[in-house]
Amino acid sequence: MARKIVISCRDFEVEAEMLERECPKTCEAIWRALPLEAELEIWKEEVYFEIPVKVEPEDPTPNTKAGDVAYWPEGPGFCIFFGKSQPISPVNTFARITGGTEKFRGVKTGDRITVRRA
């Protein structure tokens, strides 16, 4: 059974399933670092924040879709894509939000976000 994470922001929570076959090292590093809490930033249709995790590029991709949760090696950053925008450079897509991605349209830079194990 795949591990899941819960992302909480403002007055909502979404769940994401970890993609352990695609990015096992990234999934493990993120899992070990949980829980995470930060002030988020917005870039186009992406929420991101810096995290204390170092992972090499692992099956990096320049393309994402709404619902993708990715690690940005250059940050290092935790990224949540909720629209059509693409990352500024390749990311390790390590999880997928199963529903509620559109709720991120209401968040603002500086909002608190937490990520924990489900």
Protein backbone atom coordinates (compact mmCIF):
# COMPACT_ATOMS: atom_id res chain seq x y z
CA MET A 1 0.00 0.00 0.00
CA ALA A 2 1.39 3.39 -0.98
CA ARG A 3 2.27 5.91 1.68
CA LYS A 4 0.23 9.11 1.78
CA ILE A 5 0.82 12.63 3.00
CA VAL A 6 -1.65 15.28 4.15
CA ILE A 7 -1.11 18.89 3.08
CA SER A 8 -2.93 21.49 5.21
CA CYS A 9 -3.28 25.16 4.36
CA ARG A 10 -5.69 27.83 5.53
CA ASP A 11 -9.02 26.03 6.09
CA PHE A 12 -8.50 22.92 3.97
CA GLU A 13 -6.53 19.68 3.69
CA VAL A 14 -5.70 17.51 0.70
CA GLU A 15 -4.18 14.07 0.55
CA ALA A 16 -1.42 12.99 -1.82
CA GLU A 17 -0.24 9.49 -2.65
CA MET A 18 3.52 9.05 -2.84
CA LEU A 19 4.91 7.76 -6.15
CA GLU A 20 7.48 5.41 -4.69
CA ARG A 21 8.12 3.46 -7.90
CA GLU A 22 8.97 6.64 -9.83
CA CYS A 23 11.06 8.45 -7.17
CA PRO A 24 11.92 6.09 -4.28
CA LYS A 25 14.87 8.13 -2.93
CA THR A 26 12.91 11.39 -3.02
CA CYS A 27 9.88 9.77 -1.35
CA GLU A 28 12.03 8.33 1.43
CA ALA A 29 13.86 11.61 2.08
CA ILE A 30 10.62 13.60 2.23
CA TRP A 31 8.93 10.96 4.42
CA ARG A 32 11.81 11.08 6.93
CA ALA A 33 11.65 14.89 7.07
CA LEU A 34 7.93 15.02 7.94
CA PRO A 35 6.21 16.90 9.46
CA LEU A 36 7.12 20.10 7.61
CA GLU A 37 5.76 23.58 8.25
CA ALA A 38 6.54 26.77 6.34
CA GLU A 39 5.29 30.01 4.85
CA LEU A 40 4.40 29.35 1.24
CA GLU A 41 5.29 31.28 -1.88
CA ILE A 42 3.25 31.45 -5.09
CA TRP A 43 4.73 31.30 -8.59
CA LYS A 44 2.15 31.32 -11.38
CA GLU A 45 -0.04 28.25 -10.60
CA GLU A 46 2.38 26.68 -8.16
CA VAL A 47 2.75 26.76 -4.39
CA TYR A 48 6.27 26.17 -3.11
CA PHE A 49 8.40 26.47 -0.01
CA GLU A 50 11.93 25.64 1.01
CA ILE A 51 12.53 22.39 2.89
CA PRO A 52 15.53 20.95 4.78
CA VAL A 53 15.97 18.01 2.39
CA LYS A 54 18.79 17.33 -0.08
CA VAL A 55 18.13 14.83 -2.87
CA GLU A 56 19.81 14.53 -6.25
CA PRO A 57 17.68 14.78 -9.38
CA GLU A 58 15.73 11.51 -9.65
CA ASP A 59 13.88 10.94 -12.90
CA PRO A 60 13.61 14.76 -13.21
CA THR A 61 10.98 16.22 -15.49
CA PRO A 62 10.39 19.73 -16.89
CA ASN A 63 6.65 18.92 -17.26
CA THR A 64 4.00 18.76 -14.57
CA LYS A 65 0.23 18.72 -14.36
CA ALA A 66 -2.29 19.96 -11.81
CA GLY A 67 -2.10 17.76 -8.73
CA ASP A 68 1.60 16.95 -9.03
CA VAL A 69 3.68 17.33 -5.88
CA ALA A 70 7.37 17.68 -6.63
CA TYR A 71 10.78 18.25 -5.10
CA TRP A 72 12.85 20.99 -6.73
CA PRO A 73 16.55 20.05 -6.29
CA GLU A 74 17.75 23.62 -6.97
CA GLY A 75 15.70 25.05 -4.07
CA PRO A 76 15.60 22.77 -2.33
CA GLY A 77 11.86 23.13 -2.51
CA PHE A 78 8.52 21.38 -2.04
CA CYS A 79 6.23 22.27 -4.95
CA ILE A 80 2.50 21.80 -5.47
CA PHE A 81 1.21 22.38 -8.99
CA PHE A 82 -2.46 23.39 -9.19
CA GLY A 83 -2.76 24.67 -12.76
CA LYS A 84 -1.04 24.71 -16.13
CA SER A 85 2.21 26.43 -15.16
CA GLN A 86 5.42 24.44 -15.43
CA PRO A 87 8.48 24.38 -13.16
CA ILE A 88 11.31 26.81 -13.84
CA SER A 89 13.68 23.82 -14.05
CA PRO A 90 13.25 20.02 -13.81
CA VAL A 91 11.68 18.56 -10.66
CA ASN A 92 11.33 15.13 -9.05
CA THR A 93 7.57 14.47 -9.08
CA PHE A 94 7.14 12.28 -5.99
CA ALA A 95 3.41 12.46 -5.13
CA ARG A 96 -0.02 13.11 -6.62
CA ILE A 97 -2.92 14.93 -4.98
CA THR A 98 -6.04 12.80 -5.26
CA GLY A 99 -8.60 15.64 -5.10
CA GLY A 100 -9.04 19.26 -4.10
CA THR A 101 -6.17 20.77 -6.07
CA GLU A 102 -8.34 23.77 -7.01
CA LYS A 103 -8.39 24.87 -3.34
CA PHE A 104 -4.83 26.15 -3.75
CA ARG A 105 -6.16 28.95 -5.99
CA GLY A 106 -7.26 30.76 -2.81
CA VAL A 107 -3.92 30.77 -0.99
CA LYS A 108 -1.57 33.73 -0.77
CA THR A 109 2.16 34.18 -0.32
CA GLY A 110 2.89 34.07 3.40
CA ASP A 111 0.10 31.61 4.29
CA ARG A 112 1.19 28.79 6.60
CA ILE A 113 1.32 25.29 5.16
CA THR A 114 1.98 21.97 6.88
CA VAL A 115 2.76 18.55 5.47
CA ARG A 116 2.46 15.41 7.59
CA ARG A 117 2.16 11.67 7.27
CA ALA A 118 -1.39 10.43 6.68
